[in-house]
Amino acid sequence: MRELVALYMASFEFQSCRLATRDGSEEGVLCMRDGVLFAILAPAGAADEEPGWYLHLGFGPCDREGLIFRNLNEAGEWLEQAIAEG
């Protein structure tokens, strides 16, 4: 299991976590700002590929599913825009 790491980009904290699956668990990322959870990201693509991030679940103004981001910077930009648009 990977060590928990928190990355800070713009005003978001991206905290690594484990997401339960039917076969065990997989890496995931909690997207938080000021202690509020806005989204959960899961890896997009196969384990041997350069990972992107899939919006598994969004909350509040980020309530969408299925978006794919190339990296966490791109995800953070989208989160900021979704919140600004309300």
N, C-alpha and C. Protein backbone atom coordinates (compact mmCIF):
# COMPACT_ATOMS: atom_id res chain seq x y z
N MET A 1 0.84 -1.19 0.00
CA MET A 1 0.00 0.00 0.00
C MET A 1 0.88 1.24 0.00
N ARG A 2 0.53 2.20 -0.84
CA ARG A 2 1.31 3.43 -0.91
C ARG A 2 1.12 4.26 0.34
N GLU A 3 2.18 4.97 0.67
CA GLU A 3 2.10 5.92 1.79
C GLU A 3 1.17 7.06 1.40
N LEU A 4 0.33 7.50 2.34
CA LEU A 4 -0.57 8.62 2.05
C LEU A 4 0.24 9.88 1.79
N VAL A 5 -0.10 10.54 0.72
CA VAL A 5 0.59 11.76 0.34
C VAL A 5 -0.46 12.81 0.03
N ALA A 6 -0.24 14.00 0.48
CA ALA A 6 -1.15 15.10 0.16
C ALA A 6 -0.42 16.06 -0.77
N LEU A 7 -1.01 16.35 -1.91
CA LEU A 7 -0.46 17.31 -2.86
C LEU A 7 -1.33 18.55 -2.83
N TYR A 8 -0.72 19.71 -2.91
CA TYR A 8 -1.48 20.95 -2.90
C TYR A 8 -1.29 21.65 -4.23
N MET A 9 -2.38 21.87 -4.95
CA MET A 9 -2.34 22.58 -6.22
C MET A 9 -3.45 23.61 -6.19
N ALA A 10 -3.10 24.84 -6.50
CA ALA A 10 -4.04 25.94 -6.39
C ALA A 10 -4.59 25.91 -4.97
N SER A 11 -5.91 25.91 -4.80
CA SER A 11 -6.48 25.90 -3.46
C SER A 11 -6.96 24.51 -3.08
N PHE A 12 -6.62 23.49 -3.87
CA PHE A 12 -7.08 22.13 -3.58
C PHE A 12 -5.99 21.27 -2.97
N GLU A 13 -6.41 20.38 -2.12
CA GLU A 13 -5.53 19.35 -1.56
C GLU A 13 -5.95 18.04 -2.22
N PHE A 14 -4.97 17.34 -2.80
CA PHE A 14 -5.21 16.04 -3.40
C PHE A 14 -4.56 15.00 -2.49
N GLN A 15 -5.40 14.24 -1.80
CA GLN A 15 -4.90 13.28 -0.81
C GLN A 15 -5.09 11.86 -1.35
N SER A 16 -3.99 11.12 -1.42
CA SER A 16 -4.11 9.75 -1.92
C SER A 16 -4.84 8.88 -0.91
N CYS A 17 -5.58 7.90 -1.43
CA CYS A 17 -6.34 6.99 -0.58
C CYS A 17 -6.48 5.66 -1.33
N ARG A 18 -7.15 4.71 -0.74
CA ARG A 18 -7.46 3.44 -1.40
C ARG A 18 -8.97 3.39 -1.57
N LEU A 19 -9.41 2.99 -2.76
CA LEU A 19 -10.83 2.83 -3.07
C LEU A 19 -11.15 1.35 -3.13
N ALA A 20 -12.20 0.92 -2.43
CA ALA A 20 -12.59 -0.49 -2.43
C ALA A 20 -13.09 -0.88 -3.82
N THR A 21 -12.70 -2.08 -4.24
CA THR A 21 -13.19 -2.68 -5.48
C THR A 21 -13.68 -4.08 -5.16
N ARG A 22 -14.30 -4.73 -6.11
CA ARG A 22 -14.75 -6.11 -5.88
C ARG A 22 -13.58 -7.06 -5.67
N ASP A 23 -12.44 -6.71 -6.25
CA ASP A 23 -11.26 -7.58 -6.16
C ASP A 23 -10.24 -7.11 -5.13
N GLY A 24 -10.57 -6.14 -4.33
CA GLY A 24 -9.63 -5.62 -3.33
C GLY A 24 -9.72 -4.13 -3.23
N SER A 25 -8.68 -3.44 -3.74
CA SER A 25 -8.69 -1.98 -3.70
C SER A 25 -7.78 -1.44 -4.80
N GLU A 26 -7.95 -0.13 -5.09
CA GLU A 26 -7.10 0.55 -6.05
C GLU A 26 -6.79 1.94 -5.54
N GLU A 27 -5.77 2.53 -6.11
CA GLU A 27 -5.37 3.88 -5.75
C GLU A 27 -6.50 4.86 -6.08
N GLY A 28 -6.65 5.87 -5.26
CA GLY A 28 -7.62 6.91 -5.50
C GLY A 28 -7.11 8.23 -4.95
N VAL A 29 -7.83 9.30 -5.26
CA VAL A 29 -7.45 10.63 -4.78
C VAL A 29 -8.70 11.35 -4.29
N LEU A 30 -8.64 11.89 -3.07
CA LEU A 30 -9.69 12.74 -2.54
C LEU A 30 -9.32 14.18 -2.88
N CYS A 31 -10.25 14.93 -3.44
CA CYS A 31 -10.01 16.33 -3.83
C CYS A 31 -10.75 17.22 -2.85
N MET A 32 -9.98 17.93 -2.02
CA MET A 32 -10.57 18.70 -0.94
C MET A 32 -10.11 20.15 -0.99
N ARG A 33 -10.96 21.02 -0.48
CA ARG A 33 -10.60 22.43 -0.30
C ARG A 33 -11.19 22.87 1.02
N ASP A 34 -10.35 23.42 1.87
CA ASP A 34 -10.76 23.90 3.20
C ASP A 34 -11.51 22.83 3.98
N GLY A 35 -11.05 21.58 3.87
CA GLY A 35 -11.65 20.47 4.61
C GLY A 35 -12.94 19.94 4.02
N VAL A 36 -13.35 20.44 2.86
CA VAL A 36 -14.59 20.01 2.20
C VAL A 36 -14.24 19.11 1.02
N LEU A 37 -14.86 17.92 0.95
CA LEU A 37 -14.63 16.98 -0.14
C LEU A 37 -15.48 17.37 -1.35
N PHE A 38 -14.82 17.62 -2.49
CA PHE A 38 -15.51 17.98 -3.72
C PHE A 38 -15.54 16.87 -4.74
N ALA A 39 -14.55 15.95 -4.71
CA ALA A 39 -14.51 14.91 -5.73
C ALA A 39 -13.63 13.75 -5.30
N ILE A 40 -13.88 12.61 -5.92
CA ILE A 40 -13.05 11.42 -5.77
C ILE A 40 -12.59 11.03 -7.17
N LEU A 41 -11.27 10.90 -7.33
CA LEU A 41 -10.69 10.50 -8.60
C LEU A 41 -10.14 9.08 -8.50
N ALA A 42 -10.24 8.35 -9.59
CA ALA A 42 -9.68 7.00 -9.69
C ALA A 42 -8.78 6.97 -10.92
N PRO A 43 -7.82 6.03 -10.95
CA PRO A 43 -6.94 5.95 -12.12
C PRO A 43 -7.72 5.65 -13.39
N ALA A 44 -7.30 6.27 -14.48
CA ALA A 44 -7.87 5.99 -15.80
C ALA A 44 -6.81 5.24 -16.59
N GLY A 45 -7.19 4.18 -17.25
CA GLY A 45 -6.25 3.41 -18.06
C GLY A 45 -5.67 2.24 -17.29
N ALA A 46 -4.90 1.44 -18.00
CA ALA A 46 -4.27 0.25 -17.43
C ALA A 46 -3.11 0.63 -16.52
N ALA A 47 -2.77 -0.27 -15.61
CA ALA A 47 -1.72 -0.01 -14.63
C ALA A 47 -0.36 0.23 -15.29
N ASP A 48 -0.11 -0.34 -16.47
CA ASP A 48 1.19 -0.19 -17.13
C ASP A 48 1.25 1.03 -18.05
N GLU A 49 0.18 1.80 -18.12
CA GLU A 49 0.13 3.01 -18.94
C GLU A 49 0.39 4.24 -18.07
N GLU A 50 0.71 5.35 -18.72
CA GLU A 50 0.82 6.63 -18.02
C GLU A 50 -0.55 6.96 -17.45
N PRO A 51 -0.67 7.09 -16.14
CA PRO A 51 -2.01 7.25 -15.56
C PRO A 51 -2.62 8.63 -15.78
N GLY A 52 -3.87 8.62 -16.13
CA GLY A 52 -4.69 9.82 -16.09
C GLY A 52 -5.62 9.62 -14.90
N TRP A 53 -6.58 10.50 -14.75
CA TRP A 53 -7.50 10.43 -13.62
C TRP A 53 -8.93 10.54 -14.11
N TYR A 54 -9.78 9.70 -13.58
CA TYR A 54 -11.19 9.59 -13.94
C TYR A 54 -12.00 10.18 -12.79
N LEU A 55 -12.93 11.08 -13.08
CA LEU A 55 -13.80 11.62 -12.04
C LEU A 55 -14.82 10.55 -11.67
N HIS A 56 -14.54 9.86 -10.60
CA HIS A 56 -15.41 8.77 -10.15
C HIS A 56 -16.71 9.33 -9.57
N LEU A 57 -16.56 10.41 -8.79
CA LEU A 57 -17.73 11.00 -8.14
C LEU A 57 -17.43 12.43 -7.76
N GLY A 58 -18.36 13.32 -8.06
CA GLY A 58 -18.23 14.71 -7.67
C GLY A 58 -19.36 15.10 -6.73
N PHE A 59 -19.12 16.11 -5.91
CA PHE A 59 -20.11 16.58 -4.93
C PHE A 59 -20.38 18.06 -5.14
N GLY A 60 -21.59 18.49 -4.79
CA GLY A 60 -21.95 19.91 -4.90
C GLY A 60 -21.79 20.40 -6.32
N PRO A 61 -21.07 21.52 -6.52
CA PRO A 61 -20.92 22.07 -7.87
C PRO A 61 -20.09 21.17 -8.79
N CYS A 62 -19.45 20.18 -8.25
CA CYS A 62 -18.63 19.24 -9.03
C CYS A 62 -19.36 17.92 -9.26
N ASP A 63 -20.68 17.95 -9.09
CA ASP A 63 -21.51 16.73 -9.21
C ASP A 63 -21.64 16.30 -10.66
N ARG A 64 -20.62 15.64 -11.13
CA ARG A 64 -20.60 15.06 -12.46
C ARG A 64 -19.85 13.74 -12.35
N GLU A 65 -19.95 12.92 -13.36
CA GLU A 65 -19.22 11.65 -13.37
C GLU A 65 -18.64 11.42 -14.74
N GLY A 66 -17.58 10.65 -14.78
CA GLY A 66 -17.05 10.16 -16.04
C GLY A 66 -16.05 11.04 -16.76
N LEU A 67 -15.70 12.19 -16.23
CA LEU A 67 -14.71 13.04 -16.88
C LEU A 67 -13.32 12.43 -16.70
N ILE A 68 -12.47 12.61 -17.68
CA ILE A 68 -11.10 12.09 -17.60
C ILE A 68 -10.13 13.26 -17.72
N PHE A 69 -9.14 13.28 -16.83
CA PHE A 69 -8.12 14.32 -16.79
C PHE A 69 -6.75 13.69 -17.03
N ARG A 70 -5.87 14.40 -17.74
CA ARG A 70 -4.53 13.88 -18.02
C ARG A 70 -3.67 13.84 -16.76
N ASN A 71 -3.92 14.77 -15.84
CA ASN A 71 -3.11 14.85 -14.62
C ASN A 71 -3.90 15.61 -13.55
N LEU A 72 -3.32 15.70 -12.36
CA LEU A 72 -4.01 16.38 -11.26
C LEU A 72 -4.10 17.89 -11.48
N ASN A 73 -3.15 18.47 -12.19
CA ASN A 73 -3.25 19.90 -12.51
C ASN A 73 -4.50 20.18 -13.31
N GLU A 74 -4.75 19.34 -14.33
CA GLU A 74 -5.94 19.51 -15.15
C GLU A 74 -7.21 19.31 -14.33
N ALA A 75 -7.20 18.33 -13.44
CA ALA A 75 -8.35 18.09 -12.57
C ALA A 75 -8.59 19.31 -11.68
N GLY A 76 -7.52 19.85 -11.11
CA GLY A 76 -7.65 21.03 -10.24
C GLY A 76 -8.22 22.23 -10.97
N GLU A 77 -7.79 22.43 -12.21
CA GLU A 77 -8.33 23.54 -13.01
C GLU A 77 -9.83 23.36 -13.25
N TRP A 78 -10.24 22.12 -13.58
CA TRP A 78 -11.65 21.87 -13.80
C TRP A 78 -12.45 22.07 -12.52
N LEU A 79 -11.94 21.59 -11.39
CA LEU A 79 -12.63 21.76 -10.11
C LEU A 79 -12.83 23.25 -9.80
N GLU A 80 -11.79 24.04 -9.98
CA GLU A 80 -11.88 25.50 -9.74
C GLU A 80 -12.96 26.11 -10.62
N GLN A 81 -13.00 25.73 -11.90
CA GLN A 81 -13.99 26.27 -12.82
C GLN A 81 -15.40 25.84 -12.44
N ALA A 82 -15.58 24.58 -12.08
CA ALA A 82 -16.91 24.08 -11.70
C ALA A 82 -17.43 24.81 -10.47
N ILE A 83 -16.56 25.08 -9.51
CA ILE A 83 -16.98 25.78 -8.31
C ILE A 83 -17.31 27.24 -8.62
N ALA A 84 -16.48 27.87 -9.45
CA ALA A 84 -16.72 29.27 -9.82
C ALA A 84 -18.06 29.43 -10.56
N GLU A 85 -18.41 28.42 -11.39
CA GLU A 85 -19.67 28.48 -12.13
C GLU A 85 -20.86 28.10 -11.28
N GLY A 86 -20.58 27.47 -10.12
CA GLY A 86 -21.63 27.10 -9.19
C GLY A 86 -22.46 25.99 -9.69
